[in-house]
Amino acid sequence: KRTNLALSADVTTAEDLLKLADCVGPFICLLKTHVDILHSFPEAVAMELKALASKHQFVVMEDRKFADIGNTCRLQYQQDSAHMALGWADLVTCHALPGPGVLDALKAVAPEGSGCVLVVEMSSKGT
């Protein structure tokens, strides 16, 4: 796919997320999600989003920003209401501050082929 366009999908309903993904999917290479702000994110929506990503050939990055000790991040990934363990997100974000333990923990539980993007700075005022 010949694009470098990414979209941050800061919507609050699963219906809006899926509509947006389907509408812009042909034009983007990455869709950044925040499923923790959705009113509801059932497993079926996660699977539909994964199907749309495959159909339109874009990567999904869940901006979860894991930021705890390794074991806690591992448990959050596995038990998360965002269904992370289902592998619908190709990438997740995590903070570098906790150190390598967070990366080791996520690597141990993430599906084969998924990745992690380290957040070292945010766009908040004063940074």
C-alpha atoms as a PDB file:
ATOM      1  CA  LYS A   1       0.000   0.000   0.000  1.00  0.00           C
ATOM      2  CA  ARG A   2       1.514   3.312  -1.002  1.00  0.00           C
ATOM      3  CA  THR A   3       0.573   5.720   1.791  1.00  0.00           C
ATOM      4  CA  ASN A   4       2.055   7.096   4.963  1.00  0.00           C
ATOM      5  CA  LEU A   5      -1.230   8.462   6.292  1.00  0.00           C
ATOM      6  CA  ALA A   6      -2.222   7.522   9.835  1.00  0.00           C
ATOM      7  CA  LEU A   7      -5.476   8.441  11.582  1.00  0.00           C
ATOM      8  CA  SER A   8      -6.179   8.783  15.290  1.00  0.00           C
ATOM      9  CA  ALA A   9      -9.699   7.458  15.811  1.00  0.00           C
ATOM     10  CA  ASP A  10     -10.765   9.341  18.925  1.00  0.00           C
ATOM     11  CA  VAL A  11     -14.414   8.313  18.811  1.00  0.00           C
ATOM     12  CA  THR A  12     -16.581   7.146  21.696  1.00  0.00           C
ATOM     13  CA  THR A  13     -18.764   4.448  20.150  1.00  0.00           C
ATOM     14  CA  ALA A  14     -17.862   1.145  18.547  1.00  0.00           C
ATOM     15  CA  GLU A  15     -20.266   1.914  15.701  1.00  0.00           C
ATOM     16  CA  ASP A  16     -18.401   5.158  14.903  1.00  0.00           C
ATOM     17  CA  LEU A  17     -15.054   3.371  15.116  1.00  0.00           C
ATOM     18  CA  LEU A  18     -16.095   0.705  12.613  1.00  0.00           C
ATOM     19  CA  LYS A  19     -17.680   3.239  10.242  1.00  0.00           C
ATOM     20  CA  LEU A  20     -14.564   5.397  10.352  1.00  0.00           C
ATOM     21  CA  ALA A  21     -12.248   2.430   9.806  1.00  0.00           C
ATOM     22  CA  ASP A  22     -14.241   1.293   6.794  1.00  0.00           C
ATOM     23  CA  CYS A  23     -14.488   4.800   5.326  1.00  0.00           C
ATOM     24  CA  VAL A  24     -10.819   5.819   5.649  1.00  0.00           C
ATOM     25  CA  GLY A  25      -9.338   2.327   5.471  1.00  0.00           C
ATOM     26  CA  PRO A  26      -8.464   2.455   1.775  1.00  0.00           C
ATOM     27  CA  PHE A  27      -6.401   5.609   2.332  1.00  0.00           C
ATOM     28  CA  ILE A  28      -4.468   4.939   5.562  1.00  0.00           C
ATOM     29  CA  CYS A  29      -1.610   2.687   6.608  1.00  0.00           C
ATOM     30  CA  LEU A  30      -2.324   2.929  10.364  1.00  0.00           C
ATOM     31  CA  LEU A  31      -5.403   3.454  12.519  1.00  0.00           C
ATOM     32  CA  LYS A  32      -4.642   4.528  16.102  1.00  0.00           C
ATOM     33  CA  THR A  33      -7.377   3.555  18.525  1.00  0.00           C
ATOM     34  CA  HIS A  34      -8.295   4.337  22.111  1.00  0.00           C
ATOM     35  CA  VAL A  35     -10.783   1.585  22.856  1.00  0.00           C
ATOM     36  CA  ASP A  36     -10.782   2.490  26.548  1.00  0.00           C
ATOM     37  CA  ILE A  37     -12.821   5.606  25.658  1.00  0.00           C
ATOM     38  CA  LEU A  38     -15.496   3.594  23.846  1.00  0.00           C
ATOM     39  CA  HIS A  39     -18.760   3.148  25.697  1.00  0.00           C
ATOM     40  CA  SER A  40     -18.564  -0.554  24.874  1.00  0.00           C
ATOM     41  CA  PHE A  41     -16.009  -2.731  23.095  1.00  0.00           C
ATOM     42  CA  PRO A  42     -17.339  -6.265  22.786  1.00  0.00           C
ATOM     43  CA  GLU A  43     -15.240  -9.041  21.319  1.00  0.00           C
ATOM     44  CA  ALA A  44     -17.290  -8.973  18.090  1.00  0.00           C
ATOM     45  CA  VAL A  45     -16.266  -5.352  17.488  1.00  0.00           C
ATOM     46  CA  ALA A  46     -12.597  -6.235  18.009  1.00  0.00           C
ATOM     47  CA  MET A  47     -12.893  -8.986  15.411  1.00  0.00           C
ATOM     48  CA  GLU A  48     -14.757  -6.716  12.958  1.00  0.00           C
ATOM     49  CA  LEU A  49     -12.036  -4.079  13.303  1.00  0.00           C
ATOM     50  CA  LYS A  50      -9.398  -6.734  12.606  1.00  0.00           C
ATOM     51  CA  ALA A  51     -11.356  -7.822   9.519  1.00  0.00           C
ATOM     52  CA  LEU A  52     -11.573  -4.232   8.258  1.00  0.00           C
ATOM     53  CA  ALA A  53      -7.831  -3.796   8.768  1.00  0.00           C
ATOM     54  CA  SER A  54      -7.220  -6.897   6.683  1.00  0.00           C
ATOM     55  CA  LYS A  55      -9.712  -5.844   4.007  1.00  0.00           C
ATOM     56  CA  HIS A  56      -8.198  -2.368   3.617  1.00  0.00           C
ATOM     57  CA  GLN A  57      -4.594  -3.359   4.451  1.00  0.00           C
ATOM     58  CA  PHE A  58      -3.903  -1.029   7.362  1.00  0.00           C
ATOM     59  CA  VAL A  59      -2.299  -1.634  10.754  1.00  0.00           C
ATOM     60  CA  VAL A  60      -4.195  -1.059  14.010  1.00  0.00           C
ATOM     61  CA  MET A  61      -2.316   0.497  16.921  1.00  0.00           C
ATOM     62  CA  GLU A  62      -4.066   0.539  20.288  1.00  0.00           C
ATOM     63  CA  ASP A  63      -2.780   3.548  22.212  1.00  0.00           C
ATOM     64  CA  ARG A  64      -2.993   1.758  25.565  1.00  0.00           C
ATOM     65  CA  LYS A  65       0.236   3.227  26.978  1.00  0.00           C
ATOM     66  CA  PHE A  66       1.116   0.329  29.262  1.00  0.00           C
ATOM     67  CA  ALA A  67       3.166   1.826  32.116  1.00  0.00           C
ATOM     68  CA  ASP A  68       3.631  -0.459  35.090  1.00  0.00           C
ATOM     69  CA  ILE A  69       5.933  -3.213  36.267  1.00  0.00           C
ATOM     70  CA  GLY A  70       6.178  -6.121  33.864  1.00  0.00           C
ATOM     71  CA  ASN A  71       3.917  -8.544  35.699  1.00  0.00           C
ATOM     72  CA  THR A  72       1.131  -5.982  36.027  1.00  0.00           C
ATOM     73  CA  CYS A  73       1.350  -5.089  32.333  1.00  0.00           C
ATOM     74  CA  ARG A  74       1.239  -8.787  31.454  1.00  0.00           C
ATOM     75  CA  LEU A  75      -1.916  -9.230  33.523  1.00  0.00           C
ATOM     76  CA  GLN A  76      -3.494  -6.070  32.074  1.00  0.00           C
ATOM     77  CA  TYR A  77      -2.811  -7.322  28.559  1.00  0.00           C
ATOM     78  CA  GLN A  78      -4.267 -10.747  29.269  1.00  0.00           C
ATOM     79  CA  GLN A  79      -7.304  -9.646  31.297  1.00  0.00           C
ATOM     80  CA  ASP A  80      -7.971  -6.294  29.659  1.00  0.00           C
ATOM     81  CA  SER A  81     -11.576  -5.493  28.747  1.00  0.00           C
ATOM     82  CA  ALA A  82     -10.109  -4.284  25.434  1.00  0.00           C
ATOM     83  CA  HIS A  83      -9.558  -7.947  24.440  1.00  0.00           C
ATOM     84  CA  MET A  84      -5.875  -7.322  23.694  1.00  0.00           C
ATOM     85  CA  ALA A  85      -5.042 -11.014  23.936  1.00  0.00           C
ATOM     86  CA  LEU A  86      -7.240 -11.656  20.885  1.00  0.00           C
ATOM     87  CA  GLY A  87      -4.607 -10.005  18.732  1.00  0.00           C
ATOM     88  CA  TRP A  88      -6.872  -7.487  17.010  1.00  0.00           C
ATOM     89  CA  ALA A  89      -4.267  -4.737  17.480  1.00  0.00           C
ATOM     90  CA  ASP A  90      -1.068  -5.103  15.505  1.00  0.00           C
ATOM     91  CA  LEU A  91       0.709  -2.639  17.796  1.00  0.00           C
ATOM     92  CA  VAL A  92       0.271  -1.340  21.330  1.00  0.00           C
ATOM     93  CA  THR A  93       1.948   1.612  22.990  1.00  0.00           C
ATOM     94  CA  CYS A  94       3.811   1.547  26.258  1.00  0.00           C
ATOM     95  CA  HIS A  95       5.861   4.026  28.241  1.00  0.00           C
ATOM     96  CA  ALA A  96       9.629   3.586  28.370  1.00  0.00           C
ATOM     97  CA  LEU A  97       9.832   4.804  31.982  1.00  0.00           C
ATOM     98  CA  PRO A  98       9.131   1.405  33.650  1.00  0.00           C
ATOM     99  CA  GLY A  99      12.163  -0.081  31.914  1.00  0.00           C
ATOM    100  CA  PRO A 100      12.699  -3.286  29.941  1.00  0.00           C
ATOM    101  CA  GLY A 101      10.419  -5.374  32.167  1.00  0.00           C
ATOM    102  CA  VAL A 102       7.319  -3.998  30.463  1.00  0.00           C
ATOM    103  CA  LEU A 103       8.663  -4.997  27.040  1.00  0.00           C
ATOM    104  CA  ASP A 104       9.645  -8.463  28.243  1.00  0.00           C
ATOM    105  CA  ALA A 105       6.186  -8.980  29.745  1.00  0.00           C
ATOM    106  CA  LEU A 106       4.302  -7.832  26.658  1.00  0.00           C
ATOM    107  CA  LYS A 107       6.528  -9.909  24.397  1.00  0.00           C
ATOM    108  CA  ALA A 108       5.702 -12.984  26.479  1.00  0.00           C
ATOM    109  CA  VAL A 109       1.929 -12.631  26.053  1.00  0.00           C
ATOM    110  CA  ALA A 110       1.396 -10.780  22.765  1.00  0.00           C
ATOM    111  CA  PRO A 111       0.448 -12.802  19.694  1.00  0.00           C
ATOM    112  CA  GLU A 112       3.201 -13.626  17.207  1.00  0.00           C
ATOM    113  CA  GLY A 113       3.775 -10.759  14.796  1.00  0.00           C
ATOM    114  CA  SER A 114       2.451  -7.986  17.036  1.00  0.00           C
ATOM    115  CA  GLY A 115       4.621  -5.125  18.201  1.00  0.00           C
ATOM    116  CA  CYS A 116       5.048  -2.365  20.732  1.00  0.00           C
ATOM    117  CA  VAL A 117       5.702   1.331  20.192  1.00  0.00           C
ATOM    118  CA  LEU A 118       7.604   3.053  22.997  1.00  0.00           C
ATOM    119  CA  VAL A 119       6.250   6.415  24.121  1.00  0.00           C
ATOM    120  CA  VAL A 120       9.122   8.608  25.281  1.00  0.00           C
ATOM    121  CA  GLU A 121       7.417  11.992  24.985  1.00  0.00           C
ATOM    122  CA  MET A 122       3.834  13.172  24.719  1.00  0.00           C
ATOM    123  CA  SER A 123       2.292  16.218  23.098  1.00  0.00           C
ATOM    124  CA  SER A 124       0.856  17.589  26.315  1.00  0.00           C
ATOM    125  CA  LYS A 125       1.389  21.237  27.131  1.00  0.00           C
ATOM    126  CA  GLY A 126       4.771  21.949  28.677  1.00  0.00           C
ATOM    127  CA  THR A 127       6.601  18.899  27.297  1.00  0.00           C
END
